[in-house]
Amino acid sequence: MKKMFLQDIVKVTKGRLVCGDENLELGSFSINTKTINNDEVFVGIKGEKVDGSKFYLDAFNNGAIGAIINKESVDIKEVEGKFILEVDDTVIALQEIAKYKRSLYEDLLVVGVTGSVGKTSTKDIIALTLSNKYKVLKTEGNYNNELGLPLTILGLKDETALVLEMGMDGFGQLSTLSKIGRPKYAVITNVGTAHIANLGSRENILKAKLEILDGLDKDGKLFINNDNDMLNMWNNKEKKSNVVTFGINNKSDYTATNVSYDELTTFTCNNEEYKVNVGGEAFVYNALSAIAIGTTLGIDKSMIKNSLSNIVLTKNRLQEIDKKGYRIISDCYNANYDSMKEGLSNLGKYKDKRKIAVLGDMLELGEYSKNLHEKVGEEVLNNNIDILVTVGTEAKYIANIASKSVEVHEFDNNKDAIKYLNEIIKKDDVILVKASHGMNFTEIVENI
């Protein structure tokens, strides 16, 4: 484990050490006073309503070894045995500390994963594949932003590989994350419509996603989904030598053929047959990225195959749950048009089952909301869904389109939707539950 001391972070943050021993060795960092562990460093983050720096004493009471706080945010009370470091901006300080920690691990293999949809599943599958050869640390939960990524890096101990999920909703963010993480390999799963309200066009989304290259190692490689129209167009134009492609429909470096969706998803890639224990086309793409990276790193094919047949997904990301004789596909962590399309396509694979889609609002789409919800309605039709249940104000646009040939039931709240679903669900049904995180659809998953 690489050692980091208080004097190091004083230097990289250009902060003012109010009190504390400069020779103190530091471990993990936290931004939450309630969940902070003994001997962790508390970082007070300024939110829209309150500055977390004001709660540094609570962090001390819960075992924090020290606190990094925003300058002039609070009247400082020195506490014996604790350190306090004042900085101009705790978010920037956290990032600079993470950069420094990353610099201590020069031999670390880092893989960065971004994309409009599928980031988390792809990250999980790549991490599982790499674990055959490396000790792996990966992004957990929603730690894929300007706070979460640095905190993940600051959790490094004796790992030899790091798989970082990188999210963004505007220009400049991926550039920052990539420069902190400095990946050897970068993956772009696709370029869709997520955050189009902020960026204005898919061309701009592509531009923002390509910022992952800003911190890429000079000898690094970029792995892209060659079936995505935007990435395919960019690659054909740029013709960069360090790009590795994967796909199903377009000939790629790693092309899936003979794809079959049954209890297991099976396909052939470069004369090897692979089996994935999660259904749906999306997981073929996710698996291909892991095969490409694993093969590049010389991981034995049998080990890669074993990993792909034993995938464990992050909760509520196309998570399949068997309940009382029927199956729930819980995908309610977040939603945009691309992930809705993916979820419905996955549901549509169940040809011999009654298919129920429970869909809610996709949030933060601005002026594009009506059009994109209507496009989801078209996907409901395309996948031969038997019953559509919608919740929310924007989801009515899904219902309007789907009602042309699908049985539709609209509700204003989760409670009423749950009541209806519990009345109509039968043995062997497959139910997709999907909406933006703010719709709290985990409540539906837990109560049907």
Protein backbone atom coordinates (compact mmCIF):
# COMPACT_ATOMS: atom_id res chain seq x y z
CA MET A 1 0.00 0.00 0.00
CA LYS A 2 1.38 3.40 -1.02
CA LYS A 3 1.64 5.82 1.87
CA MET A 4 0.26 9.35 1.84
CA PHE A 5 0.91 11.87 4.60
CA LEU A 6 -0.79 15.06 5.75
CA GLN A 7 2.16 17.15 4.57
CA ASP A 8 1.58 15.78 1.04
CA ILE A 9 -2.02 16.93 0.83
CA VAL A 10 -1.19 20.31 2.37
CA LYS A 11 1.23 20.78 -0.49
CA VAL A 12 -1.02 19.59 -3.36
CA THR A 13 -4.07 21.53 -2.13
CA LYS A 14 -2.11 24.68 -1.30
CA GLY A 15 -4.20 24.78 1.85
CA ARG A 16 -3.60 26.19 5.34
CA LEU A 17 -3.01 23.63 8.06
CA VAL A 18 -4.84 25.04 11.08
CA CYS A 19 -3.79 22.24 13.41
CA GLY A 20 -2.43 18.71 13.25
CA ASP A 21 0.76 16.72 12.77
CA GLU A 22 2.16 17.01 9.22
CA ASN A 23 3.70 13.55 9.54
CA LEU A 24 0.31 11.91 10.07
CA GLU A 25 -0.30 9.01 7.64
CA LEU A 26 -3.68 9.21 5.89
CA GLY A 27 -5.98 6.48 4.61
CA SER A 28 -9.49 6.78 3.22
CA PHE A 29 -11.65 9.88 2.77
CA SER A 30 -15.38 10.50 3.19
CA ILE A 31 -17.87 13.32 2.53
CA ASN A 32 -20.58 11.91 4.82
CA THR A 33 -20.40 12.55 8.57
CA LYS A 34 -23.00 9.85 9.28
CA THR A 35 -21.23 6.97 7.54
CA ILE A 36 -17.64 8.03 8.13
CA ASN A 37 -15.40 5.34 9.58
CA ASN A 38 -12.79 5.65 12.28
CA ASP A 39 -9.56 7.28 11.09
CA GLU A 40 -11.03 8.49 7.78
CA VAL A 41 -10.59 12.08 6.62
CA PHE A 42 -13.75 14.15 6.34
CA VAL A 43 -14.09 16.49 3.35
CA GLY A 44 -16.79 19.14 3.73
CA ILE A 45 -18.52 19.69 0.39
CA LYS A 46 -20.52 22.84 -0.26
CA GLY A 47 -23.97 22.01 -1.61
CA GLU A 48 -26.73 24.21 -2.98
CA LYS A 49 -28.22 24.83 0.46
CA VAL A 50 -25.53 24.13 3.01
CA ASP A 51 -21.77 23.84 3.31
CA GLY A 52 -20.78 20.43 4.66
CA SER A 53 -17.73 22.04 6.25
CA LYS A 54 -20.00 23.27 9.04
CA PHE A 55 -20.35 19.67 10.26
CA TYR A 56 -16.69 18.86 10.73
CA LEU A 57 -17.15 18.48 14.51
CA ASP A 58 -19.82 15.83 13.87
CA ALA A 59 -17.29 14.01 11.72
CA PHE A 60 -14.76 14.16 14.56
CA ASN A 61 -17.34 12.80 17.00
CA ASN A 62 -17.92 9.88 14.63
CA GLY A 63 -14.25 9.00 14.43
CA ALA A 64 -12.76 11.14 11.64
CA ILE A 65 -9.02 11.66 11.99
CA GLY A 66 -9.15 15.10 10.39
CA ALA A 67 -11.18 17.47 8.26
CA ILE A 68 -10.67 19.43 5.05
CA ILE A 69 -12.97 22.43 5.04
CA ASN A 70 -13.75 25.43 2.89
CA LYS A 71 -11.93 28.61 3.84
CA GLU A 72 -13.92 30.99 6.06
CA SER A 73 -16.95 28.68 6.09
CA VAL A 74 -17.00 28.15 9.83
CA ASP A 75 -15.50 29.35 13.11
CA ILE A 76 -12.78 26.81 13.68
CA LYS A 77 -12.44 24.99 16.98
CA GLU A 78 -9.24 23.04 17.30
CA VAL A 79 -9.70 19.48 18.59
CA GLU A 80 -6.85 17.60 20.24
CA GLY A 81 -5.54 14.72 18.15
CA LYS A 82 -7.33 15.90 14.99
CA PHE A 83 -6.16 17.93 12.02
CA ILE A 84 -8.00 20.71 10.19
CA LEU A 85 -6.98 21.85 6.73
CA GLU A 86 -8.54 24.96 5.17
CA VAL A 87 -8.71 25.16 1.37
CA ASP A 88 -10.23 27.51 -1.20
CA ASP A 89 -12.55 24.82 -2.63
CA THR A 90 -12.96 21.36 -1.12
CA VAL A 91 -14.16 19.79 -4.41
CA ILE A 92 -11.00 20.90 -6.22
CA ALA A 93 -8.92 19.88 -3.20
CA LEU A 94 -10.44 16.40 -3.25
CA GLN A 95 -9.60 16.07 -6.93
CA GLU A 96 -6.03 17.26 -6.44
CA ILE A 97 -5.51 14.79 -3.61
CA ALA A 98 -6.87 11.99 -5.82
CA LYS A 99 -4.47 13.03 -8.60
CA TYR A 100 -1.61 12.82 -6.14
CA LYS A 101 -2.70 9.40 -4.87
CA ARG A 102 -3.03 8.18 -8.45
CA SER A 103 0.55 9.34 -9.09
CA LEU A 104 1.77 6.98 -6.35
CA TYR A 105 0.46 4.00 -8.35
CA GLU A 106 2.33 4.38 -11.63
CA ASP A 107 2.09 0.66 -12.45
CA LEU A 108 -1.67 0.56 -11.81
CA LEU A 109 -3.82 -0.62 -14.73
CA VAL A 110 -6.73 1.82 -15.06
CA VAL A 111 -9.77 1.29 -17.27
CA GLY A 112 -12.20 4.17 -17.72
CA VAL A 113 -15.78 3.46 -18.84
CA THR A 114 -18.25 6.01 -20.16
CA GLY A 115 -21.30 6.09 -22.43
CA SER A 116 -24.92 7.18 -22.60
CA VAL A 117 -26.13 3.81 -21.34
CA GLY A 118 -24.57 0.63 -20.00
CA LYS A 119 -21.67 2.20 -18.09
CA THR A 120 -22.32 0.41 -14.82
CA SER A 121 -22.93 -3.05 -16.28
CA THR A 122 -19.89 -2.74 -18.54
CA LYS A 123 -17.75 -1.61 -15.61
CA ASP A 124 -18.93 -4.58 -13.53
CA ILE A 125 -18.22 -7.10 -16.30
CA ILE A 126 -14.77 -5.69 -17.10
CA ALA A 127 -13.84 -5.67 -13.40
CA LEU A 128 -14.94 -9.29 -13.06
CA THR A 129 -12.89 -10.27 -16.10
CA LEU A 130 -9.78 -8.44 -14.88
CA SER A 131 -10.05 -10.13 -11.48
CA ASN A 132 -8.65 -13.27 -13.12
CA LYS A 133 -5.26 -11.58 -13.34
CA TYR A 134 -5.39 -8.51 -11.09
CA LYS A 135 -6.57 -7.39 -7.69
CA VAL A 136 -9.31 -5.00 -8.76
CA LEU A 137 -10.92 -1.92 -7.25
CA LYS A 138 -13.98 -0.65 -9.11
CA THR A 139 -16.45 2.21 -8.87
CA GLU A 140 -19.27 1.36 -6.47
CA GLY A 141 -22.82 2.70 -6.57
CA ASN A 142 -23.13 6.12 -8.18
CA TYR A 143 -19.54 7.20 -7.48
CA ASN A 144 -18.91 8.18 -11.10
CA ASN A 145 -18.79 11.98 -10.86
CA GLU A 146 -16.46 14.79 -9.78
CA LEU A 147 -16.74 13.63 -6.15
CA GLY A 148 -17.24 9.89 -6.50
CA LEU A 149 -14.34 9.20 -8.83
CA PRO A 150 -11.75 10.91 -6.59
CA LEU A 151 -13.17 9.10 -3.54
CA THR A 152 -12.83 5.78 -5.37
CA ILE A 153 -9.18 6.49 -6.19
CA LEU A 154 -8.54 7.55 -2.60
CA GLY A 155 -9.76 4.11 -1.53
CA LEU A 156 -6.79 2.44 -3.27
CA LYS A 157 -4.75 0.12 -1.09
CA ASP A 158 -2.86 -2.79 -2.61
CA GLU A 159 -4.94 -3.18 -5.79
CA THR A 160 -3.22 -3.63 -9.14
CA ALA A 161 -6.16 -2.61 -11.38
CA LEU A 162 -8.80 0.08 -11.15
CA VAL A 163 -12.03 0.18 -13.21
CA LEU A 164 -13.57 3.63 -13.13
CA GLU A 165 -17.07 4.50 -14.31
CA MET A 166 -17.11 8.06 -15.61
CA GLY A 167 -20.34 10.03 -15.88
CA MET A 168 -21.06 13.50 -17.18
CA ASP A 169 -23.90 15.86 -18.02
CA GLY A 170 -21.98 18.66 -19.72
CA PHE A 171 -18.73 19.69 -21.35
CA GLY A 172 -15.46 19.57 -19.42
CA GLN A 173 -16.51 17.00 -16.85
CA LEU A 174 -15.12 13.88 -18.49
CA SER A 175 -11.93 15.73 -19.28
CA THR A 176 -11.48 16.45 -15.57
CA LEU A 177 -12.25 12.86 -14.55
CA SER A 178 -9.97 11.38 -17.19
CA LYS A 179 -7.06 13.61 -16.16
CA ILE A 180 -7.52 12.47 -12.56
CA GLY A 181 -7.80 8.76 -13.34
CA ARG A 182 -5.34 8.63 -16.27
CA PRO A 183 -6.69 5.42 -17.84
CA LYS A 184 -4.59 3.02 -19.88
CA TYR A 185 -7.74 1.82 -21.60
CA ALA A 186 -10.95 3.75 -22.19
CA VAL A 187 -14.34 2.36 -23.22
CA ILE A 188 -17.23 4.28 -24.79
CA THR A 189 -20.30 2.04 -24.70
CA ASN A 190 -22.42 4.28 -26.98
CA VAL A 191 -23.50 7.84 -27.71
CA GLY A 192 -27.24 8.36 -27.27
CA THR A 193 -29.55 11.07 -25.97
CA ALA A 194 -28.75 11.19 -22.25
CA HIS A 195 -28.22 14.82 -21.16
CA ILE A 196 -29.27 16.14 -24.56
CA ALA A 197 -31.14 18.95 -22.77
CA ASN A 198 -27.78 20.24 -21.50
CA LEU A 199 -25.68 19.52 -24.58
CA GLY A 200 -28.18 20.29 -27.34
CA SER A 201 -27.33 17.57 -29.87
CA ARG A 202 -25.93 14.07 -30.21
CA GLU A 203 -22.91 15.59 -31.95
CA ASN A 204 -22.19 17.53 -28.78
CA ILE A 205 -22.75 14.42 -26.68
CA LEU A 206 -20.14 12.62 -28.81
CA LYS A 207 -17.73 15.51 -28.32
CA ALA A 208 -18.27 15.40 -24.55
CA LYS A 209 -17.80 11.61 -24.40
CA LEU A 210 -14.54 11.84 -26.35
CA GLU A 211 -13.12 13.97 -23.54
CA ILE A 212 -12.26 10.63 -21.93
CA LEU A 213 -9.24 10.72 -24.25
CA ASP A 214 -7.87 13.82 -22.51
CA GLY A 215 -6.25 11.77 -19.75
CA LEU A 216 -5.60 8.59 -21.73
CA ASP A 217 -2.09 7.17 -21.47
CA LYS A 218 0.06 8.01 -24.53
CA ASP A 219 0.25 4.28 -25.29
CA GLY A 220 -3.37 3.66 -24.33
CA LYS A 221 -6.26 2.25 -26.33
CA LEU A 222 -9.86 3.33 -26.86
CA PHE A 223 -12.49 0.59 -27.14
CA ILE A 224 -15.71 1.63 -28.88
CA ASN A 225 -19.09 0.15 -29.80
CA ASN A 226 -18.78 0.07 -33.59
CA ASP A 227 -22.54 -0.41 -34.06
CA ASN A 228 -23.29 2.99 -32.54
CA ASP A 229 -23.82 5.36 -35.45
CA MET A 230 -22.00 8.31 -33.88
CA LEU A 231 -18.94 6.32 -32.80
CA ASN A 232 -18.80 4.44 -36.10
CA MET A 233 -18.91 7.70 -38.05
CA TRP A 234 -16.22 9.28 -35.87
CA ASN A 235 -13.95 6.23 -36.15
CA ASN A 236 -14.29 6.01 -39.94
CA LYS A 237 -13.39 9.68 -40.19
CA GLU A 238 -10.51 9.80 -37.70
CA LYS A 239 -8.98 6.36 -38.40
CA LYS A 240 -6.92 6.43 -35.19
CA SER A 241 -4.51 3.53 -34.76
CA ASN A 242 -5.23 3.07 -31.06
CA VAL A 243 -8.97 2.39 -31.49
CA VAL A 244 -10.29 -1.14 -30.93
CA THR A 245 -13.83 -1.86 -32.13
CA PHE A 246 -16.51 -4.29 -31.00
CA GLY A 247 -19.96 -4.89 -32.42
CA ILE A 248 -22.63 -7.23 -33.73
CA ASN A 249 -23.87 -5.67 -36.96
CA ASN A 250 -20.74 -3.92 -38.27
CA LYS A 251 -17.53 -5.84 -38.91
CA SER A 252 -15.26 -5.08 -35.97
CA ASP A 253 -12.09 -6.24 -34.27
CA TYR A 254 -14.36 -8.20 -31.93
CA THR A 255 -17.59 -9.15 -33.73
CA ALA A 256 -20.34 -11.27 -32.17
CA THR A 257 -21.91 -13.76 -34.57
CA ASN A 258 -24.46 -16.59 -34.13
CA VAL A 259 -26.07 -14.65 -31.29
CA SER A 260 -28.79 -16.59 -29.48
CA TYR A 261 -31.00 -15.47 -26.59
CA ASP A 262 -32.27 -18.34 -24.48
CA GLU A 263 -31.83 -19.08 -20.80
CA LEU A 264 -28.25 -18.02 -21.52
CA THR A 265 -27.11 -15.55 -24.16
CA THR A 266 -24.61 -17.26 -26.46
CA PHE A 267 -22.47 -15.92 -29.29
CA THR A 268 -19.26 -16.55 -31.18
CA CYS A 269 -16.40 -14.06 -31.32
CA ASN A 270 -13.14 -14.68 -33.18
CA ASN A 271 -13.84 -18.44 -33.35
CA GLU A 272 -14.58 -18.74 -29.63
CA GLU A 273 -18.04 -19.43 -28.20
CA TYR A 274 -19.11 -17.41 -25.17
CA LYS A 275 -22.07 -17.77 -22.83
CA VAL A 276 -23.43 -14.85 -20.79
CA ASN A 277 -25.72 -15.54 -17.85
CA VAL A 278 -27.65 -12.29 -18.38
CA GLY A 279 -30.12 -11.91 -21.26
CA GLY A 280 -30.40 -9.20 -23.86
CA GLU A 281 -28.43 -7.65 -26.68
CA ALA A 282 -26.97 -4.98 -24.40
CA PHE A 283 -25.01 -7.63 -22.53
CA VAL A 284 -23.49 -8.94 -25.75
CA TYR A 285 -21.94 -5.49 -26.25
CA ASN A 286 -20.89 -5.33 -22.58
CA ALA A 287 -19.33 -8.78 -22.85
CA LEU A 288 -17.52 -7.90 -26.09
CA SER A 289 -15.81 -4.95 -24.40
CA ALA A 290 -14.61 -7.25 -21.62
CA ILE A 291 -13.43 -9.86 -24.14
CA ALA A 292 -11.53 -7.17 -26.06
CA ILE A 293 -9.80 -5.78 -22.99
CA GLY A 294 -9.18 -9.19 -21.43
CA THR A 295 -7.67 -10.53 -24.66
CA THR A 296 -5.50 -7.42 -25.06
CA LEU A 297 -4.15 -8.05 -21.55
CA GLY A 298 -3.45 -11.70 -22.26
CA ILE A 299 -6.07 -13.14 -19.91
CA ASP A 300 -6.74 -16.79 -20.72
CA LYS A 301 -9.87 -17.33 -22.85
CA SER A 302 -11.21 -19.95 -20.44
CA MET A 303 -11.02 -17.43 -17.60
CA ILE A 304 -12.83 -14.78 -19.65
CA LYS A 305 -15.55 -17.32 -20.51
CA ASN A 306 -15.94 -18.29 -16.86
CA SER A 307 -16.33 -14.64 -15.85
CA LEU A 308 -18.99 -13.95 -18.50
CA SER A 309 -21.05 -16.93 -17.36
CA ASN A 310 -21.01 -15.71 -13.75
CA ILE A 311 -21.87 -12.01 -14.01
CA VAL A 312 -23.26 -10.31 -10.91
CA LEU A 313 -24.79 -6.93 -11.71
CA THR A 314 -25.03 -3.79 -9.59
CA LYS A 315 -28.47 -3.64 -7.97
CA ASN A 316 -31.32 -2.13 -10.02
CA ARG A 317 -29.41 -2.19 -13.32
CA LEU A 318 -31.30 -4.73 -15.45
CA GLN A 319 -31.30 -6.85 -12.30
CA GLU A 320 -33.44 -9.96 -12.72
CA ILE A 321 -35.40 -10.96 -9.60
CA ASP A 322 -37.46 -14.12 -9.40
CA LYS A 323 -40.51 -13.64 -7.18
CA LYS A 324 -43.34 -16.09 -6.47
CA GLY A 325 -43.20 -17.68 -9.88
CA TYR A 326 -42.78 -14.52 -11.96
CA ARG A 327 -39.74 -12.45 -12.92
CA ILE A 328 -39.02 -8.75 -12.32
CA ILE A 329 -36.39 -6.92 -14.35
CA SER A 330 -35.45 -4.06 -12.04
CA ASP A 331 -33.80 -1.22 -13.97
CA CYS A 332 -34.92 1.77 -11.97
CA TYR A 333 -31.64 3.42 -11.04
CA ASN A 334 -31.91 5.84 -13.94
CA ALA A 335 -33.52 6.24 -17.34
CA ASN A 336 -33.05 7.92 -20.69
CA TYR A 337 -34.34 7.01 -24.14
CA ASP A 338 -31.40 4.74 -24.92
CA SER A 339 -31.66 2.74 -21.70
CA MET A 340 -35.46 2.55 -22.05
CA LYS A 341 -34.98 1.13 -25.55
CA GLU A 342 -32.44 -1.35 -24.19
CA GLY A 343 -34.72 -2.41 -21.33
CA LEU A 344 -37.72 -2.94 -23.60
CA SER A 345 -35.58 -4.89 -26.06
CA ASN A 346 -34.47 -7.12 -23.20
CA LEU A 347 -38.10 -7.64 -22.15
CA GLY A 348 -39.08 -8.37 -25.73
CA LYS A 349 -36.74 -11.38 -25.81
CA TYR A 350 -39.22 -13.32 -23.64
CA LYS A 351 -41.26 -14.58 -26.58
CA ASP A 352 -43.34 -17.19 -24.72
CA LYS A 353 -44.13 -15.10 -21.61
CA ARG A 354 -46.65 -12.36 -20.87
CA LYS A 355 -44.63 -9.15 -20.91
CA ILE A 356 -45.54 -6.21 -18.64
CA ALA A 357 -43.66 -2.91 -18.87
CA VAL A 358 -43.94 -0.54 -15.90
CA LEU A 359 -42.48 2.75 -17.11
CA GLY A 360 -42.19 6.16 -15.49
CA ASP A 361 -40.94 9.62 -16.34
CA MET A 362 -37.50 10.20 -17.80
CA LEU A 363 -36.44 13.38 -16.03
CA GLU A 364 -34.29 16.35 -17.06
CA LEU A 365 -35.02 16.17 -20.80
CA GLY A 366 -36.27 19.74 -21.14
CA GLU A 367 -37.71 20.58 -24.55
CA TYR A 368 -36.87 17.08 -25.82
CA SER A 369 -39.08 15.35 -23.25
CA LYS A 370 -42.29 14.88 -25.27
CA ASN A 371 -40.49 13.60 -28.36
CA LEU A 372 -38.27 11.16 -26.48
CA HIS A 373 -41.13 9.78 -24.39
CA GLU A 374 -43.11 9.25 -27.59
CA LYS A 375 -40.12 7.37 -29.05
CA VAL A 376 -40.22 5.09 -26.00
CA GLY A 377 -43.88 4.45 -26.81
CA GLU A 378 -42.78 3.29 -30.26
CA GLU A 379 -40.31 0.88 -28.64
CA VAL A 380 -43.15 -0.54 -26.54
CA LEU A 381 -44.93 -1.32 -29.82
CA ASN A 382 -41.79 -2.69 -31.49
CA ASN A 383 -41.19 -5.22 -28.71
CA ASN A 384 -44.72 -6.64 -28.57
CA ILE A 385 -45.32 -5.73 -24.94
CA ASP A 386 -48.62 -7.16 -23.64
CA ILE A 387 -49.43 -4.64 -20.89
CA LEU A 388 -48.02 -1.16 -20.32
CA VAL A 389 -48.35 0.54 -16.94
CA THR A 390 -47.17 4.16 -16.73
CA VAL A 391 -46.65 6.48 -13.78
CA GLY A 392 -45.99 10.21 -14.03
CA THR A 393 -46.78 13.30 -16.05
CA GLU A 394 -44.31 12.78 -18.90
CA ALA A 395 -44.95 9.05 -19.19
CA LYS A 396 -48.39 9.88 -20.60
CA TYR A 397 -46.63 10.48 -23.93
CA ILE A 398 -45.38 6.88 -23.82
CA ALA A 399 -48.93 5.73 -23.15
CA ASN A 400 -50.42 7.84 -25.95
CA ILE A 401 -48.27 6.15 -28.59
CA ALA A 402 -48.36 2.63 -27.15
CA SER A 403 -52.15 2.63 -26.76
CA LYS A 404 -52.47 2.11 -30.53
CA SER A 405 -52.14 -1.63 -30.01
CA VAL A 406 -51.10 -2.31 -26.40
CA GLU A 407 -53.25 -2.57 -23.27
CA VAL A 408 -52.33 0.59 -21.32
CA HIS A 409 -53.02 1.61 -17.73
CA GLU A 410 -51.94 5.07 -16.52
CA PHE A 411 -51.42 6.10 -12.88
CA ASP A 412 -50.45 9.29 -11.09
CA ASN A 413 -48.48 7.61 -8.30
CA ASN A 414 -46.59 4.46 -7.39
CA LYS A 415 -49.09 3.34 -4.76
CA ASP A 416 -51.96 3.00 -7.24
CA ALA A 417 -49.70 1.30 -9.77
CA ILE A 418 -48.57 -1.23 -7.14
CA LYS A 419 -52.19 -1.99 -6.21
CA TYR A 420 -53.10 -2.64 -9.85
CA LEU A 421 -50.03 -4.75 -10.55
CA ASN A 422 -50.64 -6.96 -7.53
CA GLU A 423 -54.14 -7.60 -8.87
CA ILE A 424 -53.10 -8.66 -12.37
CA ILE A 425 -49.66 -10.31 -12.14
CA LYS A 426 -49.76 -14.02 -12.96
CA LYS A 427 -47.35 -16.93 -12.75
CA ASP A 428 -44.60 -16.80 -15.41
CA ASP A 429 -45.10 -13.06 -16.17
CA VAL A 430 -42.00 -10.98 -16.85
CA ILE A 431 -42.21 -7.38 -15.59
CA LEU A 432 -39.79 -4.59 -16.53
CA VAL A 433 -39.75 -1.75 -13.97
CA LYS A 434 -37.93 1.33 -15.26
CA ALA A 435 -37.88 5.10 -14.72
CA SER A 436 -35.54 7.87 -13.67
CA HIS A 437 -34.19 7.57 -10.12
CA GLY A 438 -36.34 10.46 -8.91
CA MET A 439 -39.51 8.44 -9.59
CA ASN A 440 -38.55 6.07 -6.75
CA PHE A 441 -39.51 2.94 -8.72
CA THR A 442 -37.57 0.77 -6.26
CA GLU A 443 -40.79 1.16 -4.22
CA ILE A 444 -42.65 -0.71 -6.97
CA VAL A 445 -40.01 -3.44 -7.21
CA GLU A 446 -40.15 -4.01 -3.45
CA ASN A 447 -43.97 -4.14 -3.23
CA ILE A 448 -45.10 -6.31 -6.13
